Amino acid sequence: MSTRASIRFVDEYGDTIYVYRHSDGYPSGDILKDLRMVIDTSYNRWSGAEMGQVVARFFGLTFQPSDRLQDYEVTNGIHGDEDYHYFVKWDDETKKYIIGYDEQDED
């Protein structure tokens, strides 16, 4: 079974861009590494309200031209079948992006 995941990119106003990953969503996999790569290479380039630029860079850095299906896709919200929910938030106090995740509660 696939380990699905969602990523919420949230600016300081609460505006959110959602990204979905259909498989390999474990924290030990690529998602946190990919998010850190984007934030590290974007340091001091953009701030909170420019979250769309961060997301564009995220897709640019993770795009694999030889793959028909990419690891990530834009989506319209949380699907509900995700095992992990990741986030990238702008922290207005520290003026930095914060990365983290929450494991979905199992009922």
N, C-alpha and C. Protein backbone atom coordinates (compact mmCIF):
# COMPACT_ATOMS: atom_id res chain seq x y z
N MET A 1 0.84 -1.18 0.00
CA MET A 1 0.00 0.00 0.00
C MET A 1 0.89 1.24 0.00
N SER A 2 0.45 2.26 -0.69
CA SER A 2 1.19 3.51 -0.78
C SER A 2 1.09 4.31 0.52
N THR A 3 2.16 4.99 0.84
CA THR A 3 2.17 5.88 1.99
C THR A 3 2.01 7.30 1.47
N ARG A 4 0.78 7.77 1.50
CA ARG A 4 0.44 9.08 0.94
C ARG A 4 0.78 10.18 1.94
N ALA A 5 1.02 11.37 1.38
CA ALA A 5 1.36 12.51 2.22
C ALA A 5 0.87 13.79 1.57
N SER A 6 0.61 14.77 2.40
CA SER A 6 0.28 16.11 1.91
C SER A 6 1.27 17.10 2.51
N ILE A 7 1.46 18.18 1.80
CA ILE A 7 2.31 19.27 2.29
C ILE A 7 1.50 20.55 2.20
N ARG A 8 1.43 21.28 3.31
CA ARG A 8 0.79 22.59 3.33
C ARG A 8 1.87 23.65 3.38
N PHE A 9 1.89 24.52 2.41
CA PHE A 9 2.77 25.68 2.41
C PHE A 9 1.91 26.86 2.85
N VAL A 10 2.21 27.43 4.03
CA VAL A 10 1.34 28.44 4.64
C VAL A 10 2.11 29.74 4.87
N ASP A 11 1.56 30.84 4.34
CA ASP A 11 2.22 32.13 4.57
C ASP A 11 1.74 32.76 5.87
N GLU A 12 2.22 33.96 6.16
CA GLU A 12 1.88 34.58 7.44
C GLU A 12 0.43 35.02 7.55
N TYR A 13 -0.30 35.02 6.44
CA TYR A 13 -1.72 35.39 6.46
C TYR A 13 -2.63 34.16 6.50
N GLY A 14 -2.04 32.99 6.50
CA GLY A 14 -2.81 31.76 6.52
C GLY A 14 -3.17 31.23 5.14
N ASP A 15 -2.77 31.96 4.09
CA ASP A 15 -3.01 31.46 2.74
C ASP A 15 -2.19 30.18 2.55
N THR A 16 -2.81 29.17 1.97
CA THR A 16 -2.20 27.84 1.90
C THR A 16 -2.19 27.31 0.47
N ILE A 17 -1.07 26.72 0.11
CA ILE A 17 -0.93 25.98 -1.14
C ILE A 17 -0.70 24.52 -0.75
N TYR A 18 -1.50 23.62 -1.32
CA TYR A 18 -1.43 22.20 -0.98
C TYR A 18 -0.70 21.42 -2.06
N VAL A 19 0.15 20.50 -1.62
CA VAL A 19 0.88 19.61 -2.51
C VAL A 19 0.65 18.19 -2.00
N TYR A 20 0.50 17.26 -2.92
CA TYR A 20 0.19 15.86 -2.60
C TYR A 20 1.29 14.94 -3.12
N ARG A 21 1.58 13.92 -2.34
CA ARG A 21 2.49 12.87 -2.79
C ARG A 21 1.78 11.54 -2.61
N HIS A 22 1.67 10.78 -3.69
CA HIS A 22 0.89 9.55 -3.68
C HIS A 22 1.59 8.39 -2.97
N SER A 23 2.92 8.36 -2.98
CA SER A 23 3.61 7.23 -2.35
C SER A 23 4.94 7.68 -1.76
N ASP A 24 5.50 6.82 -0.93
CA ASP A 24 6.80 7.10 -0.28
C ASP A 24 6.76 8.38 0.55
N GLY A 25 5.71 8.54 1.33
CA GLY A 25 5.54 9.75 2.14
C GLY A 25 6.14 9.69 3.53
N TYR A 26 6.91 8.65 3.81
CA TYR A 26 7.51 8.50 5.14
C TYR A 26 8.49 9.63 5.44
N PRO A 27 8.58 10.05 6.71
CA PRO A 27 9.58 11.06 7.08
C PRO A 27 11.01 10.61 6.81
N SER A 28 11.26 9.31 6.81
CA SER A 28 12.60 8.81 6.50
C SER A 28 12.89 8.84 5.00
N GLY A 29 11.88 9.17 4.19
CA GLY A 29 12.05 9.22 2.75
C GLY A 29 12.54 10.58 2.28
N ASP A 30 12.10 10.97 1.10
CA ASP A 30 12.62 12.17 0.46
C ASP A 30 11.92 13.48 0.82
N ILE A 31 10.73 13.43 1.38
CA ILE A 31 9.96 14.67 1.53
C ILE A 31 10.68 15.69 2.40
N LEU A 32 11.10 15.31 3.59
CA LEU A 32 11.80 16.27 4.46
C LEU A 32 13.10 16.75 3.82
N LYS A 33 13.80 15.84 3.17
CA LYS A 33 15.04 16.22 2.47
C LYS A 33 14.74 17.24 1.37
N ASP A 34 13.68 16.98 0.59
CA ASP A 34 13.30 17.90 -0.48
C ASP A 34 12.89 19.26 0.08
N LEU A 35 12.11 19.26 1.16
CA LEU A 35 11.70 20.52 1.77
C LEU A 35 12.89 21.30 2.31
N ARG A 36 13.80 20.61 2.97
CA ARG A 36 15.00 21.29 3.50
C ARG A 36 15.85 21.86 2.37
N MET A 37 15.97 21.11 1.28
CA MET A 37 16.75 21.59 0.14
C MET A 37 16.15 22.90 -0.39
N VAL A 38 14.85 22.96 -0.50
CA VAL A 38 14.20 24.16 -1.01
C VAL A 38 14.39 25.33 -0.04
N ILE A 39 14.18 25.09 1.24
CA ILE A 39 14.32 26.16 2.22
C ILE A 39 15.77 26.61 2.31
N ASP A 40 16.70 25.67 2.33
CA ASP A 40 18.12 26.03 2.41
C ASP A 40 18.57 26.85 1.20
N THR A 41 18.10 26.48 0.02
CA THR A 41 18.52 27.20 -1.19
C THR A 41 17.72 28.48 -1.41
N SER A 42 16.69 28.69 -0.60
CA SER A 42 15.86 29.89 -0.71
C SER A 42 16.10 30.88 0.43
N TYR A 43 17.01 30.55 1.32
CA TYR A 43 17.24 31.36 2.52
C TYR A 43 17.52 32.82 2.14
N ASN A 44 16.79 33.73 2.75
CA ASN A 44 16.89 35.18 2.54
C ASN A 44 16.50 35.62 1.13
N ARG A 45 15.90 34.75 0.36
CA ARG A 45 15.44 35.12 -0.98
C ARG A 45 14.00 35.60 -0.94
N TRP A 46 13.15 34.88 -0.19
CA TRP A 46 11.74 35.23 -0.10
C TRP A 46 11.30 35.24 1.35
N SER A 47 10.15 35.89 1.59
CA SER A 47 9.56 35.88 2.92
C SER A 47 8.15 35.32 2.83
N GLY A 48 7.40 35.43 3.91
CA GLY A 48 6.12 34.75 4.05
C GLY A 48 5.13 34.87 2.93
N ALA A 49 4.79 36.09 2.50
CA ALA A 49 3.76 36.27 1.49
C ALA A 49 4.23 35.82 0.11
N GLU A 50 5.48 35.49 -0.03
CA GLU A 50 6.02 35.01 -1.30
C GLU A 50 6.10 33.48 -1.33
N MET A 51 5.21 32.84 -0.58
CA MET A 51 5.21 31.39 -0.48
C MET A 51 5.05 30.73 -1.84
N GLY A 52 4.33 31.37 -2.76
CA GLY A 52 4.18 30.82 -4.10
C GLY A 52 5.52 30.65 -4.80
N GLN A 53 6.47 31.52 -4.53
CA GLN A 53 7.81 31.40 -5.10
C GLN A 53 8.53 30.17 -4.51
N VAL A 54 8.33 29.94 -3.23
CA VAL A 54 8.93 28.78 -2.58
C VAL A 54 8.36 27.49 -3.18
N VAL A 55 7.05 27.46 -3.40
CA VAL A 55 6.42 26.28 -3.99
C VAL A 55 6.91 26.07 -5.43
N ALA A 56 7.03 27.15 -6.19
CA ALA A 56 7.54 27.03 -7.55
C ALA A 56 8.96 26.46 -7.54
N ARG A 57 9.78 26.93 -6.61
CA ARG A 57 11.14 26.40 -6.50
C ARG A 57 11.12 24.92 -6.10
N PHE A 58 10.21 24.58 -5.20
CA PHE A 58 10.05 23.19 -4.77
C PHE A 58 9.79 22.28 -5.98
N PHE A 59 8.84 22.68 -6.82
CA PHE A 59 8.55 21.87 -8.01
C PHE A 59 9.72 21.86 -8.98
N GLY A 60 10.39 22.98 -9.12
CA GLY A 60 11.54 23.04 -10.01
C GLY A 60 12.68 22.14 -9.57
N LEU A 61 12.95 22.13 -8.28
CA LEU A 61 14.06 21.32 -7.77
C LEU A 61 13.75 19.83 -7.72
N THR A 62 12.49 19.48 -7.62
CA THR A 62 12.14 18.06 -7.50
C THR A 62 11.66 17.46 -8.83
N PHE A 63 11.54 18.28 -9.86
CA PHE A 63 11.08 17.80 -11.16
C PHE A 63 12.09 16.84 -11.78
N GLN A 64 11.61 15.71 -12.25
CA GLN A 64 12.45 14.70 -12.91
C GLN A 64 12.00 14.58 -14.37
N PRO A 65 12.72 15.19 -15.31
CA PRO A 65 12.28 15.20 -16.72
C PRO A 65 12.06 13.81 -17.31
N SER A 66 12.77 12.82 -16.84
CA SER A 66 12.63 11.48 -17.42
C SER A 66 11.44 10.70 -16.86
N ASP A 67 10.82 11.19 -15.79
CA ASP A 67 9.68 10.50 -15.19
C ASP A 67 8.37 11.01 -15.76
N ARG A 68 7.51 10.09 -16.19
CA ARG A 68 6.19 10.49 -16.70
C ARG A 68 5.33 11.04 -15.58
N LEU A 69 5.34 10.37 -14.43
CA LEU A 69 4.61 10.83 -13.25
C LEU A 69 5.59 11.39 -12.23
N GLN A 70 5.35 12.59 -11.80
CA GLN A 70 6.24 13.24 -10.84
C GLN A 70 5.87 12.81 -9.41
N ASP A 71 6.80 13.02 -8.48
CA ASP A 71 6.55 12.66 -7.08
C ASP A 71 5.50 13.55 -6.44
N TYR A 72 5.42 14.81 -6.86
CA TYR A 72 4.55 15.79 -6.22
C TYR A 72 3.58 16.40 -7.23
N GLU A 73 2.40 16.76 -6.73
CA GLU A 73 1.42 17.46 -7.56
C GLU A 73 0.64 18.46 -6.72
N VAL A 74 0.24 19.54 -7.34
CA VAL A 74 -0.60 20.53 -6.66
C VAL A 74 -1.97 19.91 -6.48
N THR A 75 -2.60 20.19 -5.36
CA THR A 75 -3.93 19.67 -5.11
C THR A 75 -4.76 20.76 -4.45
N ASN A 76 -6.04 20.50 -4.26
CA ASN A 76 -6.94 21.53 -3.73
C ASN A 76 -7.22 21.39 -2.24
N GLY A 77 -6.43 20.62 -1.54
CA GLY A 77 -6.62 20.49 -0.09
C GLY A 77 -6.14 19.16 0.41
N ILE A 78 -6.49 18.85 1.63
CA ILE A 78 -6.14 17.57 2.25
C ILE A 78 -7.12 16.53 1.72
N HIS A 79 -6.60 15.41 1.25
CA HIS A 79 -7.45 14.35 0.69
C HIS A 79 -8.13 13.52 1.77
N GLY A 80 -7.46 13.32 2.89
CA GLY A 80 -8.02 12.52 3.97
C GLY A 80 -7.45 11.11 4.04
N ASP A 81 -6.71 10.70 3.01
CA ASP A 81 -6.14 9.35 3.02
C ASP A 81 -4.64 9.38 3.28
N GLU A 82 -4.12 10.52 3.69
CA GLU A 82 -2.68 10.66 3.91
C GLU A 82 -2.26 10.04 5.23
N ASP A 83 -1.07 9.47 5.23
CA ASP A 83 -0.48 8.96 6.46
C ASP A 83 0.30 10.05 7.18
N TYR A 84 0.81 11.00 6.44
CA TYR A 84 1.60 12.10 7.01
C TYR A 84 1.15 13.42 6.42
N HIS A 85 1.13 14.43 7.28
CA HIS A 85 0.83 15.80 6.87
C HIS A 85 2.05 16.65 7.20
N TYR A 86 2.70 17.13 6.17
CA TYR A 86 3.87 17.99 6.32
C TYR A 86 3.44 19.44 6.19
N PHE A 87 4.28 20.33 6.69
CA PHE A 87 3.98 21.75 6.51
C PHE A 87 5.27 22.55 6.38
N VAL A 88 5.14 23.65 5.68
CA VAL A 88 6.15 24.69 5.62
C VAL A 88 5.41 25.96 5.97
N LYS A 89 5.81 26.61 7.05
CA LYS A 89 5.14 27.83 7.51
C LYS A 89 6.16 28.95 7.65
N TRP A 90 5.70 30.14 7.36
CA TRP A 90 6.52 31.31 7.62
C TRP A 90 6.31 31.73 9.07
N ASP A 91 7.41 31.86 9.81
CA ASP A 91 7.35 32.32 11.19
C ASP A 91 7.75 33.79 11.18
N ASP A 92 6.77 34.65 11.39
CA ASP A 92 7.00 36.09 11.32
C ASP A 92 7.92 36.59 12.43
N GLU A 93 7.94 35.87 13.55
CA GLU A 93 8.79 36.28 14.66
C GLU A 93 10.28 36.05 14.36
N THR A 94 10.61 34.88 13.85
CA THR A 94 12.02 34.57 13.56
C THR A 94 12.42 34.93 12.13
N LYS A 95 11.40 35.26 11.30
CA LYS A 95 11.64 35.59 9.88
C LYS A 95 12.28 34.41 9.14
N LYS A 96 11.77 33.21 9.44
CA LYS A 96 12.27 32.00 8.81
C LYS A 96 11.11 31.07 8.49
N TYR A 97 11.35 30.16 7.54
CA TYR A 97 10.40 29.10 7.25
C TYR A 97 10.62 27.95 8.23
N ILE A 98 9.54 27.38 8.70
CA ILE A 98 9.58 26.25 9.62
C ILE A 98 9.03 25.03 8.88
N ILE A 99 9.71 23.90 9.00
CA ILE A 99 9.30 22.65 8.36
C ILE A 99 8.94 21.65 9.46
N GLY A 100 7.88 20.89 9.24
CA GLY A 100 7.53 19.85 10.20
C GLY A 100 6.50 18.90 9.62
N TYR A 101 6.05 17.97 10.44
CA TYR A 101 5.01 17.03 10.01
C TYR A 101 4.25 16.51 11.21
N ASP A 102 3.05 16.03 10.91
CA ASP A 102 2.19 15.37 11.88
C ASP A 102 1.77 14.04 11.30
N GLU A 103 1.83 12.99 12.10
CA GLU A 103 1.36 11.69 11.63
C GLU A 103 -0.14 11.65 11.81
N GLN A 104 -0.84 11.14 10.81
CA GLN A 104 -2.29 11.03 10.85
C GLN A 104 -2.68 10.09 11.98
N ASP A 105 -3.69 10.48 12.78
CA ASP A 105 -4.21 9.59 13.81
C ASP A 105 -4.93 8.42 13.16
N GLU A 106 -4.69 7.22 13.66
CA GLU A 106 -5.40 6.06 13.12
C GLU A 106 -6.59 5.75 13.99
N ASP A 107 -7.74 5.59 13.37
CA ASP A 107 -8.97 5.28 14.11
C ASP A 107 -9.26 3.81 14.09
